[in-house]
Amino acid sequence: MIKKMIYAIVLFSLLTNCAKDKGTPIYDDPKDFQKILSTYIWQPIHVNEGSENQLVNYKPDDCEMDNSYLFLFQDESNEMRLDKGAKSCTAQEGMFELGIFKGKNTNGFTFNKEKATIKFSDSDPYSSYLVAFEGNRLIITSQNNNPTANYIPIKYYFKGVKK
């Protein structure tokens, strides 16, 4: 009887320790991040991850759904490119497009390998974007390290499509 209980406890602990937490992406080598980011064309997706997260999960506007994004890593400068789809965003739509690209089709950025963050060239000094992967999904979370700012981070979701 005791032997069966010990086996049950060991089996239970193995099963619970091996389960993956879907909400916390596992970070690999940041060099892999650069390779993954540059291998795919990224398209925005809608995510329904529970009603408690709806405030932080960005919902792309219709005009953004046919956009695609491409990351280019080069020795001297990195660049994110926007390939606009058929629908154009107005001034009140496309917050990701307007916030990152500000009317342009490209924006330079730096990539912090230790923190796995992106900082766009024309963003304020306190803002950056955390990069994470969950399967073939890219999750970019906006961050603001300004201690005086009342800021809610926003998560942008993309699916990767092979070039």
C-alpha atoms as a PDB file:
ATOM      1  CA  MET A   1       0.000   0.000   0.000  1.00  0.00           C
ATOM      2  CA  ILE A   2       2.773   2.444   0.939  1.00  0.00           C
ATOM      3  CA  LYS A   3       4.683   1.473  -2.177  1.00  0.00           C
ATOM      4  CA  LYS A   4       1.660   2.360  -4.359  1.00  0.00           C
ATOM      5  CA  MET A   5       1.306   5.738  -2.631  1.00  0.00           C
ATOM      6  CA  ILE A   6       4.972   6.523  -3.195  1.00  0.00           C
ATOM      7  CA  TYR A   7       4.660   5.593  -6.882  1.00  0.00           C
ATOM      8  CA  ALA A   8       1.532   7.735  -7.167  1.00  0.00           C
ATOM      9  CA  ILE A   9       3.282  10.725  -5.577  1.00  0.00           C
ATOM     10  CA  VAL A  10       6.320  10.340  -7.839  1.00  0.00           C
ATOM     11  CA  LEU A  11       4.127   9.964 -10.925  1.00  0.00           C
ATOM     12  CA  PHE A  12       2.015  12.979  -9.955  1.00  0.00           C
ATOM     13  CA  SER A  13       5.099  15.156  -9.356  1.00  0.00           C
ATOM     14  CA  LEU A  14       6.582  14.122 -12.712  1.00  0.00           C
ATOM     15  CA  LEU A  15       3.372  14.944 -14.553  1.00  0.00           C
ATOM     16  CA  THR A  16       2.927  18.339 -12.917  1.00  0.00           C
ATOM     17  CA  ASN A  17       6.585  19.363 -13.312  1.00  0.00           C
ATOM     18  CA  CYS A  18       6.654  18.484 -17.007  1.00  0.00           C
ATOM     19  CA  ALA A  19       3.537  20.450 -17.923  1.00  0.00           C
ATOM     20  CA  LYS A  20       4.230  23.637 -19.862  1.00  0.00           C
ATOM     21  CA  ASP A  21       2.719  26.918 -18.758  1.00  0.00           C
ATOM     22  CA  LYS A  22       1.119  28.293 -21.931  1.00  0.00           C
ATOM     23  CA  GLY A  23       0.987  31.827 -20.564  1.00  0.00           C
ATOM     24  CA  THR A  24       4.744  32.162 -19.990  1.00  0.00           C
ATOM     25  CA  PRO A  25       6.794  31.653 -23.143  1.00  0.00           C
ATOM     26  CA  ILE A  26      10.114  29.890 -22.694  1.00  0.00           C
ATOM     27  CA  TYR A  27      12.982  32.141 -23.697  1.00  0.00           C
ATOM     28  CA  ASP A  28      15.694  30.576 -25.775  1.00  0.00           C
ATOM     29  CA  ASP A  29      18.963  32.091 -26.883  1.00  0.00           C
ATOM     30  CA  PRO A  30      18.325  35.667 -28.114  1.00  0.00           C
ATOM     31  CA  LYS A  31      20.374  34.814 -31.217  1.00  0.00           C
ATOM     32  CA  ASP A  32      17.541  32.387 -32.010  1.00  0.00           C
ATOM     33  CA  PHE A  33      15.101  35.281 -31.606  1.00  0.00           C
ATOM     34  CA  GLN A  34      16.863  37.195 -34.357  1.00  0.00           C
ATOM     35  CA  LYS A  35      16.824  34.128 -36.591  1.00  0.00           C
ATOM     36  CA  ILE A  36      13.120  33.437 -35.952  1.00  0.00           C
ATOM     37  CA  LEU A  37      12.110  37.092 -36.397  1.00  0.00           C
ATOM     38  CA  SER A  38      13.927  37.348 -39.726  1.00  0.00           C
ATOM     39  CA  THR A  39      12.776  33.945 -41.046  1.00  0.00           C
ATOM     40  CA  TYR A  40       9.051  34.724 -41.102  1.00  0.00           C
ATOM     41  CA  ILE A  41       6.666  37.332 -42.412  1.00  0.00           C
ATOM     42  CA  TRP A  42       4.493  38.340 -39.451  1.00  0.00           C
ATOM     43  CA  GLN A  43       0.750  38.914 -39.797  1.00  0.00           C
ATOM     44  CA  PRO A  44      -1.510  40.302 -37.046  1.00  0.00           C
ATOM     45  CA  ILE A  45      -4.009  37.942 -35.444  1.00  0.00           C
ATOM     46  CA  HIS A  46      -6.905  38.245 -33.001  1.00  0.00           C
ATOM     47  CA  VAL A  47      -6.451  36.435 -29.701  1.00  0.00           C
ATOM     48  CA  ASN A  48      -9.151  35.398 -27.261  1.00  0.00           C
ATOM     49  CA  GLU A  49      -7.209  34.485 -24.132  1.00  0.00           C
ATOM     50  CA  GLY A  50      -9.902  34.958 -21.509  1.00  0.00           C
ATOM     51  CA  SER A  51     -11.914  37.997 -20.569  1.00  0.00           C
ATOM     52  CA  GLU A  52      -9.483  39.123 -17.843  1.00  0.00           C
ATOM     53  CA  ASN A  53      -6.782  39.793 -20.456  1.00  0.00           C
ATOM     54  CA  GLN A  54      -8.915  41.692 -22.962  1.00  0.00           C
ATOM     55  CA  LEU A  55      -7.631  45.048 -21.742  1.00  0.00           C
ATOM     56  CA  VAL A  56      -4.003  44.173 -22.561  1.00  0.00           C
ATOM     57  CA  ASN A  57      -4.596  42.083 -25.717  1.00  0.00           C
ATOM     58  CA  TYR A  58      -4.587  44.376 -28.734  1.00  0.00           C
ATOM     59  CA  LYS A  59      -7.365  43.803 -31.240  1.00  0.00           C
ATOM     60  CA  PRO A  60      -6.128  44.742 -34.728  1.00  0.00           C
ATOM     61  CA  ASP A  61      -8.463  46.906 -36.787  1.00  0.00           C
ATOM     62  CA  ASP A  62      -9.749  45.555 -40.098  1.00  0.00           C
ATOM     63  CA  CYS A  63      -7.317  47.786 -41.955  1.00  0.00           C
ATOM     64  CA  GLU A  64      -4.396  46.105 -40.140  1.00  0.00           C
ATOM     65  CA  MET A  65      -5.446  42.505 -40.692  1.00  0.00           C
ATOM     66  CA  ASP A  66      -4.019  42.320 -44.212  1.00  0.00           C
ATOM     67  CA  ASN A  67      -0.749  44.042 -43.253  1.00  0.00           C
ATOM     68  CA  SER A  68       2.446  42.057 -42.902  1.00  0.00           C
ATOM     69  CA  TYR A  69       5.658  42.887 -41.074  1.00  0.00           C
ATOM     70  CA  LEU A  70       9.224  41.881 -41.777  1.00  0.00           C
ATOM     71  CA  PHE A  71      12.265  42.123 -39.477  1.00  0.00           C
ATOM     72  CA  LEU A  72      15.689  42.702 -41.035  1.00  0.00           C
ATOM     73  CA  PHE A  73      18.819  42.282 -38.916  1.00  0.00           C
ATOM     74  CA  GLN A  74      22.003  43.821 -40.289  1.00  0.00           C
ATOM     75  CA  ASP A  75      25.411  44.562 -38.805  1.00  0.00           C
ATOM     76  CA  GLU A  76      24.984  48.327 -38.633  1.00  0.00           C
ATOM     77  CA  SER A  77      21.222  48.792 -38.433  1.00  0.00           C
ATOM     78  CA  ASN A  78      18.080  46.763 -37.941  1.00  0.00           C
ATOM     79  CA  GLU A  79      14.800  47.525 -39.611  1.00  0.00           C
ATOM     80  CA  MET A  80      11.148  46.557 -39.345  1.00  0.00           C
ATOM     81  CA  ARG A  81       9.199  46.889 -42.583  1.00  0.00           C
ATOM     82  CA  LEU A  82       5.480  47.309 -43.063  1.00  0.00           C
ATOM     83  CA  ASP A  83       3.808  45.883 -46.137  1.00  0.00           C
ATOM     84  CA  LYS A  84       0.414  47.577 -46.139  1.00  0.00           C
ATOM     85  CA  GLY A  85      -2.518  45.540 -47.302  1.00  0.00           C
ATOM     86  CA  ALA A  86      -5.360  46.672 -49.534  1.00  0.00           C
ATOM     87  CA  LYS A  87      -7.205  48.552 -46.773  1.00  0.00           C
ATOM     88  CA  SER A  88      -5.806  51.883 -45.571  1.00  0.00           C
ATOM     89  CA  CYS A  89      -6.054  52.906 -41.929  1.00  0.00           C
ATOM     90  CA  THR A  90      -7.586  56.262 -40.993  1.00  0.00           C
ATOM     91  CA  ALA A  91      -6.333  58.504 -38.188  1.00  0.00           C
ATOM     92  CA  GLN A  92      -8.462  56.680 -35.578  1.00  0.00           C
ATOM     93  CA  GLU A  93      -7.542  53.170 -36.753  1.00  0.00           C
ATOM     94  CA  GLY A  94      -4.411  51.069 -36.840  1.00  0.00           C
ATOM     95  CA  MET A  95      -2.851  51.934 -33.499  1.00  0.00           C
ATOM     96  CA  PHE A  96       0.031  49.470 -33.942  1.00  0.00           C
ATOM     97  CA  GLU A  97       0.749  50.782 -37.432  1.00  0.00           C
ATOM     98  CA  LEU A  98       0.503  54.423 -36.355  1.00  0.00           C
ATOM     99  CA  GLY A  99       2.384  53.923 -33.089  1.00  0.00           C
ATOM    100  CA  ILE A 100       5.355  52.081 -34.569  1.00  0.00           C
ATOM    101  CA  PHE A 101       5.627  53.427 -38.100  1.00  0.00           C
ATOM    102  CA  LYS A 102       4.138  56.940 -37.761  1.00  0.00           C
ATOM    103  CA  GLY A 103       3.120  57.118 -41.424  1.00  0.00           C
ATOM    104  CA  LYS A 104       6.277  55.472 -42.792  1.00  0.00           C
ATOM    105  CA  ASN A 105       6.776  51.960 -44.185  1.00  0.00           C
ATOM    106  CA  THR A 106       9.983  51.240 -42.255  1.00  0.00           C
ATOM    107  CA  ASN A 107      11.358  51.948 -38.819  1.00  0.00           C
ATOM    108  CA  GLY A 108      14.827  51.259 -37.457  1.00  0.00           C
ATOM    109  CA  PHE A 109      15.287  49.527 -34.112  1.00  0.00           C
ATOM    110  CA  THR A 110      17.856  48.172 -31.719  1.00  0.00           C
ATOM    111  CA  PHE A 111      17.575  44.692 -30.218  1.00  0.00           C
ATOM    112  CA  ASN A 112      18.705  44.105 -26.629  1.00  0.00           C
ATOM    113  CA  LYS A 113      19.885  40.486 -26.584  1.00  0.00           C
ATOM    114  CA  GLU A 114      19.983  40.185 -22.786  1.00  0.00           C
ATOM    115  CA  LYS A 115      16.421  41.430 -22.235  1.00  0.00           C
ATOM    116  CA  ALA A 116      14.949  40.275 -25.589  1.00  0.00           C
ATOM    117  CA  THR A 117      13.540  43.753 -26.179  1.00  0.00           C
ATOM    118  CA  ILE A 118      13.167  45.990 -29.212  1.00  0.00           C
ATOM    119  CA  LYS A 119      13.562  49.760 -29.035  1.00  0.00           C
ATOM    120  CA  PHE A 120      12.412  51.696 -32.079  1.00  0.00           C
ATOM    121  CA  SER A 121      14.550  54.599 -33.256  1.00  0.00           C
ATOM    122  CA  ASP A 122      11.958  57.337 -32.872  1.00  0.00           C
ATOM    123  CA  SER A 123      10.238  56.132 -29.698  1.00  0.00           C
ATOM    124  CA  ASP A 124      10.468  57.871 -26.329  1.00  0.00           C
ATOM    125  CA  PRO A 125      13.453  56.939 -24.137  1.00  0.00           C
ATOM    126  CA  TYR A 126      11.307  54.967 -21.659  1.00  0.00           C
ATOM    127  CA  SER A 127       9.436  52.716 -24.080  1.00  0.00           C
ATOM    128  CA  SER A 128      10.457  49.356 -25.486  1.00  0.00           C
ATOM    129  CA  TYR A 129       8.819  46.121 -26.641  1.00  0.00           C
ATOM    130  CA  LEU A 130       9.397  42.692 -25.103  1.00  0.00           C
ATOM    131  CA  VAL A 131       9.662  39.891 -27.680  1.00  0.00           C
ATOM    132  CA  ALA A 132       8.352  36.393 -26.936  1.00  0.00           C
ATOM    133  CA  PHE A 133       7.353  33.341 -28.943  1.00  0.00           C
ATOM    134  CA  GLU A 134       4.602  30.812 -28.326  1.00  0.00           C
ATOM    135  CA  GLY A 135       4.689  28.168 -31.022  1.00  0.00           C
ATOM    136  CA  ASN A 136       4.480  30.009 -34.357  1.00  0.00           C
ATOM    137  CA  ARG A 137       3.065  33.117 -32.673  1.00  0.00           C
ATOM    138  CA  LEU A 138       5.052  36.241 -31.976  1.00  0.00           C
ATOM    139  CA  ILE A 139       3.987  38.276 -28.954  1.00  0.00           C
ATOM    140  CA  ILE A 140       5.295  41.823 -28.711  1.00  0.00           C
ATOM    141  CA  THR A 141       4.458  43.488 -25.393  1.00  0.00           C
ATOM    142  CA  SER A 142       4.803  47.238 -25.075  1.00  0.00           C
ATOM    143  CA  GLN A 143       6.616  48.454 -21.969  1.00  0.00           C
ATOM    144  CA  ASN A 144       7.203  51.846 -20.426  1.00  0.00           C
ATOM    145  CA  ASN A 145       9.822  52.227 -17.697  1.00  0.00           C
ATOM    146  CA  ASN A 146       8.923  55.818 -16.835  1.00  0.00           C
ATOM    147  CA  PRO A 147       8.206  55.782 -13.085  1.00  0.00           C
ATOM    148  CA  THR A 148       5.774  58.690 -13.407  1.00  0.00           C
ATOM    149  CA  ALA A 149       3.729  57.168 -16.245  1.00  0.00           C
ATOM    150  CA  ASN A 150       0.436  55.429 -15.568  1.00  0.00           C
ATOM    151  CA  TYR A 151       0.888  52.792 -18.252  1.00  0.00           C
ATOM    152  CA  ILE A 152      -0.876  49.533 -19.120  1.00  0.00           C
ATOM    153  CA  PRO A 153       1.256  47.195 -21.247  1.00  0.00           C
ATOM    154  CA  ILE A 154      -0.354  46.045 -24.491  1.00  0.00           C
ATOM    155  CA  LYS A 155       0.299  42.695 -26.157  1.00  0.00           C
ATOM    156  CA  TYR A 156       0.370  42.511 -29.946  1.00  0.00           C
ATOM    157  CA  TYR A 157      -0.021  39.033 -31.465  1.00  0.00           C
ATOM    158  CA  PHE A 158       1.268  37.863 -34.844  1.00  0.00           C
ATOM    159  CA  LYS A 159       1.467  34.562 -36.669  1.00  0.00           C
ATOM    160  CA  GLY A 160       4.553  33.637 -38.631  1.00  0.00           C
ATOM    161  CA  VAL A 161       4.308  32.711 -42.291  1.00  0.00           C
ATOM    162  CA  LYS A 162       7.378  31.309 -44.041  1.00  0.00           C
ATOM    163  CA  LYS A 163       8.869  33.631 -46.646  1.00  0.00           C
END
